Each structure stands twice: as structure tokens, then as C-alpha cells.
Amino acid sequence: MHPRHLRLVAAWVLPISDPSQRIGLGAGFPTASRLKAHAAGARWDLRQRIPGAVVRHTPGQQTIELLIVAKPLAKFGTSTAVDLYYESAGTHYLLHFPYGFSVRVGRTC
């Protein structure tokens, strides 16, 4: 919502077998090896691109992460929230994540 100086590069839904493991924020494009280092339960091989992802019932403790890659178009980019539109049984819904984020261009160590 209300992106300022940001471009959406990619978005996926990604199954996580252990709900205590969260991917969190990181710099750079996600890869299977980088995700494994941060969230060993992430199933990169089962990721699905948005739009077009089909999410079914999750068994046991498995959860689904929304993974967003955004690129700043200036030294600092912001978004006030994330809206995810989806359809279930022919009905359309809006899932509003009221958490904004910012991306700053700078040196990486």
C-alpha cells in the first residue's frame, strides 16, 4: 500500500515446516541456500509465484510465508502496508497486512 520509491520485483508464497522459523528481512534476492541458512524449514522447492499461486490446507504445524522482493528506486523506499487479494470458492477477498516496511540503499558488509 502506498509504495514510495519502491518497485515490486517478485512475490511468492512459501511453505514453512516449522512455524517458529520466520524468514524476516534480508538484503539481496532470496535463494535456496540463503533461506536454508535463515529458516531451515523453508521449502524453497515448493514456492509458488504470485499471482497464480494455489494454496491448499496446510497439514500439522506447516505455515505459509508471503515472501516479497522490493527494489528501492531512490536512496530510501517505503510502503505503509501490504494488501494480498485472493479468491476462494469463487469469492474474492482482501488480506490486509498493516505492517509497512522501508528499504534503504547503502553499503552491505
PDB file of N, CA and C in Angstrom:
ATOM      1  N   MET A   1       0.844  -1.178   0.000  1.00  0.00           N
ATOM      2  CA  MET A   1       0.000   0.000   0.000  1.00  0.00           C
ATOM      3  C   MET A   1       0.886   1.237   0.000  1.00  0.00           C
ATOM      4  N   HIS A   2       0.504   2.185  -0.791  1.00  0.00           N
ATOM      5  CA  HIS A   2       1.173   3.475  -0.874  1.00  0.00           C
ATOM      6  C   HIS A   2       2.693   3.345  -1.007  1.00  0.00           C
ATOM      7  N   PRO A   3       3.169   2.590  -2.004  1.00  0.00           N
ATOM      8  CA  PRO A   3       4.628   2.486  -2.167  1.00  0.00           C
ATOM      9  C   PRO A   3       5.211   3.821  -2.614  1.00  0.00           C
ATOM     10  N   ARG A   4       6.347   4.123  -2.068  1.00  0.00           N
ATOM     11  CA  ARG A   4       7.047   5.348  -2.439  1.00  0.00           C
ATOM     12  C   ARG A   4       8.486   4.973  -2.747  1.00  0.00           C
ATOM     13  N   HIS A   5       8.901   5.180  -3.982  1.00  0.00           N
ATOM     14  CA  HIS A   5      10.252   4.859  -4.447  1.00  0.00           C
ATOM     15  C   HIS A   5      10.566   3.367  -4.295  1.00  0.00           C
ATOM     16  N   LEU A   6       9.579   2.498  -4.531  1.00  0.00           N
ATOM     17  CA  LEU A   6       9.780   1.049  -4.482  1.00  0.00           C
ATOM     18  C   LEU A   6       9.221   0.407  -5.740  1.00  0.00           C
ATOM     19  N   ARG A   7       9.870  -0.665  -6.172  1.00  0.00           N
ATOM     20  CA  ARG A   7       9.365  -1.477  -7.271  1.00  0.00           C
ATOM     21  C   ARG A   7       9.268  -2.912  -6.793  1.00  0.00           C
ATOM     22  N   LEU A   8       8.120  -3.539  -6.993  1.00  0.00           N
ATOM     23  CA  LEU A   8       7.941  -4.943  -6.640  1.00  0.00           C
ATOM     24  C   LEU A   8       8.664  -5.780  -7.687  1.00  0.00           C
ATOM     25  N   VAL A   9       9.663  -6.552  -7.256  1.00  0.00           N
ATOM     26  CA  VAL A   9      10.456  -7.384  -8.163  1.00  0.00           C
ATOM     27  C   VAL A   9       9.842  -8.768  -8.282  1.00  0.00           C
ATOM     28  N   ALA A  10       9.459  -9.358  -7.158  1.00  0.00           N
ATOM     29  CA  ALA A  10       8.890 -10.700  -7.148  1.00  0.00           C
ATOM     30  C   ALA A  10       8.115 -10.913  -5.854  1.00  0.00           C
ATOM     31  N   ALA A  11       7.193 -11.870  -5.900  1.00  0.00           N
ATOM     32  CA  ALA A  11       6.447 -12.258  -4.699  1.00  0.00           C
ATOM     33  C   ALA A  11       6.099 -13.734  -4.818  1.00  0.00           C
ATOM     34  N   TRP A  12       6.231 -14.447  -3.702  1.00  0.00           N
ATOM     35  CA  TRP A  12       5.943 -15.873  -3.658  1.00  0.00           C
ATOM     36  C   TRP A  12       5.172 -16.211  -2.387  1.00  0.00           C
ATOM     37  N   VAL A  13       4.484 -17.349  -2.410  1.00  0.00           N
ATOM     38  CA  VAL A  13       4.039 -17.998  -1.186  1.00  0.00           C
ATOM     39  C   VAL A  13       5.005 -19.167  -1.005  1.00  0.00           C
ATOM     40  N   LEU A  14       5.409 -19.388   0.228  1.00  0.00           N
ATOM     41  CA  LEU A  14       6.464 -20.343   0.527  1.00  0.00           C
ATOM     42  C   LEU A  14       6.100 -21.140   1.769  1.00  0.00           C
ATOM     43  N   PRO A  15       5.945 -22.465   1.650  1.00  0.00           N
ATOM     44  CA  PRO A  15       5.641 -23.282   2.831  1.00  0.00           C
ATOM     45  C   PRO A  15       6.817 -23.312   3.813  1.00  0.00           C
ATOM     46  N   ILE A  16       6.496 -23.255   5.094  1.00  0.00           N
ATOM     47  CA  ILE A  16       7.483 -23.343   6.172  1.00  0.00           C
ATOM     48  C   ILE A  16       7.042 -24.488   7.078  1.00  0.00           C
ATOM     49  N   SER A  17       7.903 -25.479   7.255  1.00  0.00           N
ATOM     50  CA  SER A  17       7.507 -26.651   8.043  1.00  0.00           C
ATOM     51  C   SER A  17       7.554 -26.409   9.546  1.00  0.00           C
ATOM     52  N   ASP A  18       8.293 -25.401   9.992  1.00  0.00           N
ATOM     53  CA  ASP A  18       8.394 -25.093  11.414  1.00  0.00           C
ATOM     54  C   ASP A  18       7.932 -23.654  11.638  1.00  0.00           C
ATOM     55  N   PRO A  19       6.750 -23.441  12.235  1.00  0.00           N
ATOM     56  CA  PRO A  19       6.218 -22.083  12.371  1.00  0.00           C
ATOM     57  C   PRO A  19       7.055 -21.168  13.266  1.00  0.00           C
ATOM     58  N   SER A  20       7.971 -21.711  14.045  1.00  0.00           N
ATOM     59  CA  SER A  20       8.815 -20.851  14.876  1.00  0.00           C
ATOM     60  C   SER A  20       9.919 -20.197  14.053  1.00  0.00           C
ATOM     61  N   GLN A  21      10.136 -20.665  12.830  1.00  0.00           N
ATOM     62  CA  GLN A  21      11.164 -20.097  11.959  1.00  0.00           C
ATOM     63  C   GLN A  21      10.518 -19.114  10.999  1.00  0.00           C
ATOM     64  N   ARG A  22      10.955 -17.901  11.056  1.00  0.00           N
ATOM     65  CA  ARG A  22      10.468 -16.866  10.153  1.00  0.00           C
ATOM     66  C   ARG A  22      11.624 -16.407   9.280  1.00  0.00           C
ATOM     67  N   ILE A  23      11.314 -16.012   8.079  1.00  0.00           N
ATOM     68  CA  ILE A  23      12.355 -15.582   7.152  1.00  0.00           C
ATOM     69  C   ILE A  23      12.871 -14.209   7.530  1.00  0.00           C
ATOM     70  N   GLY A  24      11.985 -13.281   7.828  1.00  0.00           N
ATOM     71  CA  GLY A  24      12.408 -11.947   8.236  1.00  0.00           C
ATOM     72  C   GLY A  24      12.922 -11.129   7.076  1.00  0.00           C
ATOM     73  N   LEU A  25      13.624 -10.071   7.396  1.00  0.00           N
ATOM     74  CA  LEU A  25      14.143  -9.163   6.387  1.00  0.00           C
ATOM     75  C   LEU A  25      15.551  -9.535   6.002  1.00  0.00           C
ATOM     76  N   GLY A  26      15.893  -9.273   4.773  1.00  0.00           N
ATOM     77  CA  GLY A  26      17.251  -9.542   4.315  1.00  0.00           C
ATOM     78  C   GLY A  26      17.556  -8.722   3.085  1.00  0.00           C
ATOM     79  N   ALA A  27      18.824  -8.626   2.769  1.00  0.00           N
ATOM     80  CA  ALA A  27      19.255  -7.887   1.589  1.00  0.00           C
ATOM     81  C   ALA A  27      19.526  -8.861   0.456  1.00  0.00           C
ATOM     82  N   GLY A  28      19.231  -8.432  -0.745  1.00  0.00           N
ATOM     83  CA  GLY A  28      19.512  -9.248  -1.917  1.00  0.00           C
ATOM     84  C   GLY A  28      18.369 -10.178  -2.270  1.00  0.00           C
ATOM     85  N   PHE A  29      18.518 -10.838  -3.406  1.00  0.00           N
ATOM     86  CA  PHE A  29      17.491 -11.742  -3.913  1.00  0.00           C
ATOM     87  C   PHE A  29      17.563 -13.065  -3.162  1.00  0.00           C
ATOM     88  N   PRO A  30      16.420 -13.631  -2.753  1.00  0.00           N
ATOM     89  CA  PRO A  30      16.449 -14.886  -1.990  1.00  0.00           C
ATOM     90  C   PRO A  30      16.853 -16.077  -2.867  1.00  0.00           C
ATOM     91  N   THR A  31      17.617 -16.979  -2.286  1.00  0.00           N
ATOM     92  CA  THR A  31      17.992 -18.232  -2.948  1.00  0.00           C
ATOM     93  C   THR A  31      17.744 -19.367  -1.961  1.00  0.00           C
ATOM     94  N   ALA A  32      17.733 -20.580  -2.459  1.00  0.00           N
ATOM     95  CA  ALA A  32      17.505 -21.737  -1.590  1.00  0.00           C
ATOM     96  C   ALA A  32      18.541 -21.813  -0.478  1.00  0.00           C
ATOM     97  N   SER A  33      19.812 -21.586  -0.795  1.00  0.00           N
ATOM     98  CA  SER A  33      20.860 -21.689   0.224  1.00  0.00           C
ATOM     99  C   SER A  33      20.767 -20.578   1.257  1.00  0.00           C
ATOM    100  N   ARG A  34      20.421 -19.348   0.847  1.00  0.00           N
ATOM    101  CA  ARG A  34      20.276 -18.249   1.807  1.00  0.00           C
ATOM    102  C   ARG A  34      19.090 -18.484   2.724  1.00  0.00           C
ATOM    103  N   LEU A  35      17.976 -18.995   2.170  1.00  0.00           N
ATOM    104  CA  LEU A  35      16.818 -19.283   3.007  1.00  0.00           C
ATOM    105  C   LEU A  35      17.102 -20.405   3.984  1.00  0.00           C
ATOM    106  N   LYS A  36      17.823 -21.424   3.539  1.00  0.00           N
ATOM    107  CA  LYS A  36      18.148 -22.547   4.424  1.00  0.00           C
ATOM    108  C   LYS A  36      18.983 -22.076   5.610  1.00  0.00           C
ATOM    109  N   ALA A  37      19.865 -21.116   5.374  1.00  0.00           N
ATOM    110  CA  ALA A  37      20.702 -20.587   6.452  1.00  0.00           C
ATOM    111  C   ALA A  37      19.875 -19.814   7.479  1.00  0.00           C
ATOM    112  N   HIS A  38      18.802 -19.145   7.039  1.00  0.00           N
ATOM    113  CA  HIS A  38      17.986 -18.328   7.940  1.00  0.00           C
ATOM    114  C   HIS A  38      16.761 -19.052   8.472  1.00  0.00           C
ATOM    115  N   ALA A  39      16.184 -19.927   7.657  1.00  0.00           N
ATOM    116  CA  ALA A  39      14.976 -20.662   8.048  1.00  0.00           C
ATOM    117  C   ALA A  39      15.063 -22.060   7.444  1.00  0.00           C
ATOM    118  N   ALA A  40      15.632 -22.967   8.220  1.00  0.00           N
ATOM    119  CA  ALA A  40      15.877 -24.320   7.709  1.00  0.00           C
ATOM    120  C   ALA A  40      14.597 -25.020   7.278  1.00  0.00           C
ATOM    121  N   GLY A  41      13.451 -24.626   7.826  1.00  0.00           N
ATOM    122  CA  GLY A  41      12.188 -25.259   7.481  1.00  0.00           C
ATOM    123  C   GLY A  41      11.530 -24.711   6.230  1.00  0.00           C
ATOM    124  N   ALA A  42      12.150 -23.707   5.591  1.00  0.00           N
ATOM    125  CA  ALA A  42      11.576 -23.116   4.386  1.00  0.00           C
ATOM    126  C   ALA A  42      11.689 -24.104   3.230  1.00  0.00           C
ATOM    127  N   ARG A  43      10.593 -24.297   2.522  1.00  0.00           N
ATOM    128  CA  ARG A  43      10.561 -25.231   1.390  1.00  0.00           C
ATOM    129  C   ARG A  43      10.626 -24.453   0.076  1.00  0.00           C
ATOM    130  N   TRP A  44      11.813 -23.986  -0.273  1.00  0.00           N
ATOM    131  CA  TRP A  44      12.031 -23.201  -1.476  1.00  0.00           C
ATOM    132  C   TRP A  44      11.580 -23.971  -2.722  1.00  0.00           C
ATOM    133  N   ASP A  45      11.730 -25.288  -2.689  1.00  0.00           N
ATOM    134  CA  ASP A  45      11.346 -26.108  -3.838  1.00  0.00           C
ATOM    135  C   ASP A  45       9.836 -26.109  -4.072  1.00  0.00           C
ATOM    136  N   LEU A  46       9.045 -25.743  -3.066  1.00  0.00           N
ATOM    137  CA  LEU A  46       7.580 -25.718  -3.189  1.00  0.00           C
ATOM    138  C   LEU A  46       7.012 -24.302  -3.335  1.00  0.00           C
ATOM    139  N   ARG A  47       7.879 -23.318  -3.549  1.00  0.00           N
ATOM    140  CA  ARG A  47       7.406 -21.935  -3.669  1.00  0.00           C
ATOM    141  C   ARG A  47       6.524 -21.797  -4.907  1.00  0.00           C
ATOM    142  N   GLN A  48       5.615 -20.820  -4.838  1.00  0.00           N
ATOM    143  CA  GLN A  48       4.745 -20.503  -5.966  1.00  0.00           C
ATOM    144  C   GLN A  48       4.711 -18.999  -6.154  1.00  0.00           C
ATOM    145  N   ARG A  49       4.870 -18.591  -7.396  1.00  0.00           N
ATOM    146  CA  ARG A  49       4.831 -17.160  -7.709  1.00  0.00           C
ATOM    147  C   ARG A  49       3.430 -16.587  -7.514  1.00  0.00           C
ATOM    148  N   ILE A  50       3.404 -15.336  -7.101  1.00  0.00           N
ATOM    149  CA  ILE A  50       2.166 -14.573  -7.036  1.00  0.00           C
ATOM    150  C   ILE A  50       2.221 -13.593  -8.211  1.00  0.00           C
ATOM    151  N   PRO A  51       1.225 -13.461  -9.035  1.00  0.00           N
ATOM    152  CA  PRO A  51      -0.094 -14.094  -8.964  1.00  0.00           C
ATOM    153  C   PRO A  51      -0.046 -15.515  -9.518  1.00  0.00           C
ATOM    154  N   GLY A  52      -1.086 -16.253  -9.225  1.00  0.00           N
ATOM    155  CA  GLY A  52      -1.235 -17.604  -9.756  1.00  0.00           C
ATOM    156  C   GLY A  52      -1.011 -18.706  -8.749  1.00  0.00           C
ATOM    157  N   ALA A  53      -0.565 -18.381  -7.558  1.00  0.00           N
ATOM    158  CA  ALA A  53      -0.314 -19.411  -6.547  1.00  0.00           C
ATOM    159  C   ALA A  53      -1.624 -20.047  -6.099  1.00  0.00           C
ATOM    160  N   VAL A  54      -1.563 -21.348  -5.856  1.00  0.00           N
ATOM    161  CA  VAL A  54      -2.707 -22.081  -5.320  1.00  0.00           C
ATOM    162  C   VAL A  54      -2.301 -22.615  -3.956  1.00  0.00           C
ATOM    163  N   VAL A  55      -2.944 -22.116  -2.911  1.00  0.00           N
ATOM    164  CA  VAL A  55      -2.610 -22.507  -1.541  1.00  0.00           C
ATOM    165  C   VAL A  55      -3.706 -23.419  -1.018  1.00  0.00           C
ATOM    166  N   ARG A  56      -3.314 -24.597  -0.612  1.00  0.00           N
ATOM    167  CA  ARG A  56      -4.259 -25.563  -0.075  1.00  0.00           C
ATOM    168  C   ARG A  56      -4.115 -25.641   1.442  1.00  0.00           C
ATOM    169  N   HIS A  57      -4.947 -26.441   2.059  1.00  0.00           N
ATOM    170  CA  HIS A  57      -4.885 -26.656   3.506  1.00  0.00           C
ATOM    171  C   HIS A  57      -3.466 -27.054   3.912  1.00  0.00           C
ATOM    172  N   THR A  58      -2.987 -26.502   5.009  1.00  0.00           N
ATOM    173  CA  THR A  58      -1.642 -26.824   5.488  1.00  0.00           C
ATOM    174  C   THR A  58      -1.717 -27.868   6.593  1.00  0.00           C
ATOM    175  N   PRO A  59      -1.001 -28.972   6.445  1.00  0.00           N
ATOM    176  CA  PRO A  59      -1.037 -30.032   7.454  1.00  0.00           C
ATOM    177  C   PRO A  59      -0.175 -29.711   8.677  1.00  0.00           C
ATOM    178  N   GLY A  60      -0.591 -30.208   9.823  1.00  0.00           N
ATOM    179  CA  GLY A  60       0.220 -30.102  11.050  1.00  0.00           C
ATOM    180  C   GLY A  60       0.624 -28.686  11.385  1.00  0.00           C
ATOM    181  N   GLN A  61       1.913 -28.496  11.620  1.00  0.00           N
ATOM    182  CA  GLN A  61       2.453 -27.198  12.025  1.00  0.00           C
ATOM    183  C   GLN A  61       2.920 -26.349  10.853  1.00  0.00           C
ATOM    184  N   GLN A  62       2.725 -26.827   9.627  1.00  0.00           N
ATOM    185  CA  GLN A  62       3.202 -26.081   8.467  1.00  0.00           C
ATOM    186  C   GLN A  62       2.457 -24.747   8.339  1.00  0.00           C
ATOM    187  N   THR A  63       3.175 -23.725   7.942  1.00  0.00           N
ATOM    188  CA  THR A  63       2.591 -22.413   7.682  1.00  0.00           C
ATOM    189  C   THR A  63       3.001 -21.970   6.283  1.00  0.00           C
ATOM    190  N   ILE A  64       2.401 -20.890   5.828  1.00  0.00           N
ATOM    191  CA  ILE A  64       2.720 -20.319   4.526  1.00  0.00           C
ATOM    192  C   ILE A  64       3.245 -18.907   4.744  1.00  0.00           C
ATOM    193  N   GLU A  65       4.429 -18.625   4.216  1.00  0.00           N
ATOM    194  CA  GLU A  65       5.017 -17.291   4.292  1.00  0.00           C
ATOM    195  C   GLU A  65       4.734 -16.541   2.998  1.00  0.00           C
ATOM    196  N   LEU A  66       4.537 -15.260   3.103  1.00  0.00           N
ATOM    197  CA  LEU A  66       4.473 -14.379   1.949  1.00  0.00           C
ATOM    198  C   LEU A  66       5.853 -13.744   1.833  1.00  0.00           C
ATOM    199  N   LEU A  67       6.547 -14.027   0.738  1.00  0.00           N
ATOM    200  CA  LEU A  67       7.916 -13.542   0.541  1.00  0.00           C
ATOM    201  C   LEU A  67       7.901 -12.494  -0.560  1.00  0.00           C
ATOM    202  N   ILE A  68       8.302 -11.274  -0.223  1.00  0.00           N
ATOM    203  CA  ILE A  68       8.261 -10.142  -1.147  1.00  0.00           C
ATOM    204  C   ILE A  68       9.680  -9.647  -1.397  1.00  0.00           C
ATOM    205  N   VAL A  69       9.995  -9.390  -2.666  1.00  0.00           N
ATOM    206  CA  VAL A  69      11.266  -8.771  -3.032  1.00  0.00           C
ATOM    207  C   VAL A  69      10.939  -7.408  -3.622  1.00  0.00           C
ATOM    208  N   ALA A  70      11.407  -6.349  -2.965  1.00  0.00           N
ATOM    209  CA  ALA A  70      11.159  -4.978  -3.417  1.00  0.00           C
ATOM    210  C   ALA A  70      12.498  -4.280  -3.616  1.00  0.00           C
ATOM    211  N   LYS A  71      12.576  -3.495  -4.683  1.00  0.00           N
ATOM    212  CA  LYS A  71      13.805  -2.773  -5.004  1.00  0.00           C
ATOM    213  C   LYS A  71      13.564  -1.272  -4.842  1.00  0.00           C
ATOM    214  N   PRO A  72      14.443  -0.583  -4.108  1.00  0.00           N
ATOM    215  CA  PRO A  72      14.282   0.859  -3.974  1.00  0.00           C
ATOM    216  C   PRO A  72      14.660   1.570  -5.272  1.00  0.00           C
ATOM    217  N   LEU A  73      13.910   2.590  -5.633  1.00  0.00           N
ATOM    218  CA  LEU A  73      14.187   3.375  -6.833  1.00  0.00           C
ATOM    219  C   LEU A  73      14.903   4.673  -6.494  1.00  0.00           C
ATOM    220  N   ALA A  74      15.150   4.891  -5.219  1.00  0.00           N
ATOM    221  CA  ALA A  74      15.877   6.056  -4.726  1.00  0.00           C
ATOM    222  C   ALA A  74      16.713   5.574  -3.535  1.00  0.00           C
ATOM    223  N   LYS A  75      17.300   6.480  -2.782  1.00  0.00           N
ATOM    224  CA  LYS A  75      18.107   6.075  -1.629  1.00  0.00           C
ATOM    225  C   LYS A  75      17.274   5.457  -0.516  1.00  0.00           C
ATOM    226  N   PHE A  76      15.958   5.732  -0.536  1.00  0.00           N
ATOM    227  CA  PHE A  76      15.085   5.240   0.525  1.00  0.00           C
ATOM    228  C   PHE A  76      13.702   4.999  -0.060  1.00  0.00           C
ATOM    229  N   GLY A  77      13.165   3.783   0.102  1.00  0.00           N
ATOM    230  CA  GLY A  77      11.829   3.464  -0.371  1.00  0.00           C
ATOM    231  C   GLY A  77      10.970   2.971   0.777  1.00  0.00           C
ATOM    232  N   THR A  78       9.669   3.253   0.729  1.00  0.00           N
ATOM    233  CA  THR A  78       8.784   2.856   1.818  1.00  0.00           C
ATOM    234  C   THR A  78       7.462   2.318   1.277  1.00  0.00           C
ATOM    235  N   SER A  79       6.789   1.558   2.115  1.00  0.00           N
ATOM    236  CA  SER A  79       5.430   1.093   1.872  1.00  0.00           C
ATOM    237  C   SER A  79       4.720   1.107   3.217  1.00  0.00           C
ATOM    238  N   THR A  80       3.448   1.522   3.225  1.00  0.00           N
ATOM    239  CA  THR A  80       2.740   1.638   4.501  1.00  0.00           C
ATOM    240  C   THR A  80       2.129   0.321   4.958  1.00  0.00           C
ATOM    241  N   ALA A  81       1.868  -0.609   4.034  1.00  0.00           N
ATOM    242  CA  ALA A  81       1.239  -1.887   4.369  1.00  0.00           C
ATOM    243  C   ALA A  81       1.335  -2.793   3.138  1.00  0.00           C
ATOM    244  N   VAL A  82       0.853  -4.025   3.276  1.00  0.00           N
ATOM    245  CA  VAL A  82       0.808  -4.961   2.156  1.00  0.00           C
ATOM    246  C   VAL A  82      -0.611  -5.505   2.052  1.00  0.00           C
ATOM    247  N   ASP A  83      -1.185  -5.424   0.863  1.00  0.00           N
ATOM    248  CA  ASP A  83      -2.505  -5.987   0.599  1.00  0.00           C
ATOM    249  C   ASP A  83      -2.353  -7.200  -0.307  1.00  0.00           C
ATOM    250  N   LEU A  84      -2.999  -8.278   0.059  1.00  0.00           N
ATOM    251  CA  LEU A  84      -2.979  -9.505  -0.735  1.00  0.00           C
ATOM    252  C   LEU A  84      -4.417  -9.835  -1.114  1.00  0.00           C
ATOM    253  N   TYR A  85      -4.700  -9.810  -2.398  1.00  0.00           N
ATOM    254  CA  TYR A  85      -6.025 -10.154  -2.897  1.00  0.00           C
ATOM    255  C   TYR A  85      -6.018 -11.629  -3.265  1.00  0.00           C
ATOM    256  N   TYR A  86      -7.070 -12.352  -2.887  1.00  0.00           N
ATOM    257  CA  TYR A  86      -7.140 -13.770  -3.218  1.00  0.00           C
ATOM    258  C   TYR A  86      -8.585 -14.194  -3.427  1.00  0.00           C
ATOM    259  N   GLU A  87      -8.736 -15.391  -3.983  1.00  0.00           N
ATOM    260  CA  GLU A  87     -10.053 -15.936  -4.283  1.00  0.00           C
ATOM    261  C   GLU A  87     -10.174 -17.314  -3.652  1.00  0.00           C
ATOM    262  N   SER A  88     -11.343 -17.595  -3.103  1.00  0.00           N
ATOM    263  CA  SER A  88     -11.650 -18.904  -2.538  1.00  0.00           C
ATOM    264  C   SER A  88     -13.097 -19.231  -2.852  1.00  0.00           C
ATOM    265  N   ALA A  89     -13.310 -20.377  -3.494  1.00  0.00           N
ATOM    266  CA  ALA A  89     -14.660 -20.843  -3.850  1.00  0.00           C
ATOM    267  C   ALA A  89     -15.455 -19.772  -4.601  1.00  0.00           C
ATOM    268  N   GLY A  90     -14.779 -19.055  -5.494  1.00  0.00           N
ATOM    269  CA  GLY A  90     -15.455 -18.059  -6.314  1.00  0.00           C
ATOM    270  C   GLY A  90     -15.658 -16.703  -5.664  1.00  0.00           C
ATOM    271  N   THR A  91     -15.280 -16.558  -4.393  1.00  0.00           N
ATOM    272  CA  THR A  91     -15.424 -15.283  -3.697  1.00  0.00           C
ATOM    273  C   THR A  91     -14.051 -14.626  -3.578  1.00  0.00           C
ATOM    274  N   HIS A  92     -13.991 -13.315  -3.819  1.00  0.00           N
ATOM    275  CA  HIS A  92     -12.740 -12.570  -3.737  1.00  0.00           C
ATOM    276  C   HIS A  92     -12.598 -11.927  -2.354  1.00  0.00           C
ATOM    277  N   TYR A  93     -11.370 -11.953  -1.846  1.00  0.00           N
ATOM    278  CA  TYR A  93     -11.076 -11.416  -0.518  1.00  0.00           C
ATOM    279  C   TYR A  93      -9.853 -10.511  -0.569  1.00  0.00           C
ATOM    280  N   LEU A  94      -9.732  -9.708   0.453  1.00  0.00           N
ATOM    281  CA  LEU A  94      -8.554  -8.865   0.649  1.00  0.00           C
ATOM    282  C   LEU A  94      -7.978  -9.190   2.023  1.00  0.00           C
ATOM    283  N   LEU A  95      -6.710  -9.570   2.051  1.00  0.00           N
ATOM    284  CA  LEU A  95      -5.995  -9.787   3.308  1.00  0.00           C
ATOM    285  C   LEU A  95      -5.047  -8.615   3.476  1.00  0.00           C
ATOM    286  N   HIS A  96      -5.280  -7.814   4.503  1.00  0.00           N
ATOM    287  CA  HIS A  96      -4.503  -6.598   4.734  1.00  0.00           C
ATOM    288  C   HIS A  96      -3.489  -6.845   5.843  1.00  0.00           C
ATOM    289  N   PHE A  97      -2.199  -6.715   5.493  1.00  0.00           N
ATOM    290  CA  PHE A  97      -1.124  -6.791   6.488  1.00  0.00           C
ATOM    291  C   PHE A  97      -0.780  -5.347   6.856  1.00  0.00           C
ATOM    292  N   PRO A  98      -1.120  -4.888   8.062  1.00  0.00           N
ATOM    293  CA  PRO A  98      -0.947  -3.475   8.404  1.00  0.00           C
ATOM    294  C   PRO A  98       0.479  -3.108   8.810  1.00  0.00           C
ATOM    295  N   TYR A  99       1.446  -3.794   8.251  1.00  0.00           N
ATOM    296  CA  TYR A  99       2.842  -3.559   8.614  1.00  0.00           C
ATOM    297  C   TYR A  99       3.570  -2.972   7.419  1.00  0.00           C
ATOM    298  N   GLY A 100       4.058  -1.782   7.556  1.00  0.00           N
ATOM    299  CA  GLY A 100       4.834  -1.153   6.497  1.00  0.00           C
ATOM    300  C   GLY A 100       6.277  -1.606   6.565  1.00  0.00           C
ATOM    301  N   PHE A 101       7.020  -1.247   5.560  1.00  0.00           N
ATOM    302  CA  PHE A 101       8.448  -1.550   5.564  1.00  0.00           C
ATOM    303  C   PHE A 101       9.188  -0.480   4.773  1.00  0.00           C
ATOM    304  N   SER A 102      10.486  -0.427   4.993  1.00  0.00           N
ATOM    305  CA  SER A 102      11.320   0.518   4.276  1.00  0.00           C
ATOM    306  C   SER A 102      12.572  -0.204   3.775  1.00  0.00           C
ATOM    307  N   VAL A 103      13.068   0.275   2.656  1.00  0.00           N
ATOM    308  CA  VAL A 103      14.276  -0.292   2.066  1.00  0.00           C
ATOM    309  C   VAL A 103      15.233   0.869   1.813  1.00  0.00           C
ATOM    310  N   ARG A 104      16.412   0.747   2.356  1.00  0.00           N
ATOM    311  CA  ARG A 104      17.433   1.795   2.220  1.00  0.00           C
ATOM    312  C   ARG A 104      18.581   1.275   1.366  1.00  0.00           C
ATOM    313  N   VAL A 105      19.057   2.116   0.459  1.00  0.00           N
ATOM    314  CA  VAL A 105      20.227   1.775  -0.335  1.00  0.00           C
ATOM    315  C   VAL A 105      21.454   2.156   0.467  1.00  0.00           C
ATOM    316  N   GLY A 106      22.370   1.236   0.574  1.00  0.00           N
ATOM    317  CA  GLY A 106      23.586   1.523   1.319  1.00  0.00           C
ATOM    318  C   GLY A 106      24.592   0.412   1.149  1.00  0.00           C
ATOM    319  N   ARG A 107      25.702   0.538   1.804  1.00  0.00           N
ATOM    320  CA  ARG A 107      26.739  -0.487   1.758  1.00  0.00           C
ATOM    321  C   ARG A 107      26.304  -1.738   2.466  1.00  0.00           C
ATOM    322  N   THR A 108      26.698  -2.874   1.939  1.00  0.00           N
ATOM    323  CA  THR A 108      26.473  -4.132   2.634  1.00  0.00           C
ATOM    324  C   THR A 108      27.801  -4.629   3.156  1.00  0.00           C
ATOM    325  N   CYS A 109      27.779  -5.271   4.279  1.00  0.00           N
ATOM    326  CA  CYS A 109      29.013  -5.767   4.898  1.00  0.00           C
ATOM    327  C   CYS A 109      29.073  -7.272   4.794  1.00  0.00           C
TER     328      CYS A 109
END
